[in-house]
Amino acid sequence: MSREALQSKLKELEEEKAREKSLIKTNKKPTNTGKYREVKKVIARIKTMLKVSKKNSVVQPVANAVQESKPAVKPKAKAPAKPRQQKTK
């Protein structure tokens, strides 16, 4: 997608987000309860793509853009198990 297309899609999604939030704030039941969260995620992906494309002047696929924005996190190593002591009576 071109940069202009991404910006127009971003504007549409932000309007959709505002509509969904107003439904939530007025205690009306939205038709799709997870839509607000999904719209927020898509907005974040598009903003990431725009930021990456600004740096590289190339728009990359969503998966690559999201992966590059997240730092690699190594899982913590578990401490070795301590031997159990037997209880004496």
Protein backbone atom coordinates (compact mmCIF):
# COMPACT_ATOMS: atom_id res chain seq x y z
CA MET A 1 0.00 0.00 0.00
CA SER A 2 1.15 3.50 -0.69
CA ARG A 3 1.78 6.00 2.06
CA GLU A 4 -1.31 8.03 1.08
CA ALA A 5 -3.52 4.93 1.14
CA LEU A 6 -2.23 4.04 4.60
CA GLN A 7 -2.92 7.56 5.87
CA SER A 8 -6.49 7.52 4.52
CA LYS A 9 -7.09 4.07 6.06
CA LEU A 10 -5.69 5.37 9.35
CA LYS A 11 -8.13 8.27 9.31
CA GLU A 12 -11.08 5.91 8.64
CA LEU A 13 -10.02 3.60 11.46
CA GLU A 14 -9.63 6.45 13.93
CA GLU A 15 -13.20 7.54 13.14
CA GLU A 16 -14.38 3.95 13.63
CA LYS A 17 -12.51 3.82 16.94
CA ALA A 18 -14.27 7.00 18.08
CA ARG A 19 -17.68 5.53 17.18
CA GLU A 20 -16.96 2.31 19.06
CA LYS A 21 -15.67 4.21 22.09
CA SER A 22 -18.80 6.37 22.18
CA LEU A 23 -20.93 3.22 22.22
CA ILE A 24 -18.93 1.90 25.15
CA LYS A 25 -19.06 5.21 27.06
CA THR A 26 -22.84 5.54 26.67
CA ASN A 27 -23.35 1.99 27.98
CA LYS A 28 -24.88 0.81 24.72
CA LYS A 29 -23.99 -2.67 23.61
CA PRO A 30 -21.74 -2.65 20.55
CA THR A 31 -22.60 -5.17 17.84
CA ASN A 32 -19.11 -6.65 18.02
CA THR A 33 -17.58 -6.50 21.49
CA GLY A 34 -13.98 -7.08 20.34
CA LYS A 35 -14.04 -4.59 17.49
CA TYR A 36 -12.69 -1.66 19.54
CA ARG A 37 -9.63 -3.64 20.58
CA GLU A 38 -9.05 -4.93 17.05
CA VAL A 39 -9.34 -1.42 15.56
CA LYS A 40 -6.76 -0.15 18.07
CA LYS A 41 -4.36 -2.93 17.04
CA VAL A 42 -4.76 -2.21 13.32
CA ILE A 43 -4.18 1.51 13.96
CA ALA A 44 -0.97 0.67 15.79
CA ARG A 45 0.18 -1.56 12.93
CA ILE A 46 -0.46 1.15 10.36
CA LYS A 47 1.35 3.76 12.44
CA THR A 48 4.29 1.37 12.72
CA MET A 49 4.30 0.85 8.95
CA LEU A 50 4.26 4.60 8.37
CA LYS A 51 7.12 5.11 10.81
CA VAL A 52 9.23 2.36 9.22
CA SER A 53 8.45 3.60 5.73
CA LYS A 54 9.55 7.09 6.75
CA LYS A 55 12.92 5.71 7.82
CA ASN A 56 13.43 3.37 4.86
CA SER A 57 11.25 5.17 2.31
CA VAL A 58 9.70 1.76 1.53
CA VAL A 59 6.40 0.42 2.87
CA GLN A 60 6.91 -3.09 4.24
CA PRO A 61 4.28 -5.74 4.95
CA VAL A 62 2.54 -5.49 8.31
CA ALA A 63 4.20 -8.58 9.79
CA ASN A 64 7.71 -7.33 9.06
CA ALA A 65 6.99 -3.86 10.37
CA VAL A 66 5.55 -5.15 13.62
CA GLN A 67 8.42 -7.60 14.15
CA GLU A 68 11.03 -4.88 13.64
CA SER A 69 9.35 -2.57 16.14
CA LYS A 70 9.44 -5.13 18.96
CA PRO A 71 12.75 -5.79 20.71
CA ALA A 72 13.77 -9.41 21.04
CA VAL A 73 13.07 -10.63 24.55
CA LYS A 74 14.88 -13.67 25.85
CA PRO A 75 12.98 -15.92 28.25
CA LYS A 76 14.31 -15.90 31.78
CA ALA A 77 16.29 -18.96 32.81
CA LYS A 78 14.80 -20.95 35.63
CA ALA A 79 16.81 -21.43 38.80
CA PRO A 80 17.92 -25.01 39.45
CA ALA A 81 15.61 -26.98 41.70
CA LYS A 82 16.66 -27.23 45.33
CA PRO A 83 16.79 -30.71 46.85
CA ARG A 84 14.02 -31.34 49.35
CA GLN A 85 14.84 -32.17 52.90
CA GLN A 86 13.05 -35.04 54.55
CA LYS A 87 10.99 -34.23 57.63
CA THR A 88 11.92 -36.00 60.83
CA LYS A 89 9.44 -36.92 63.54
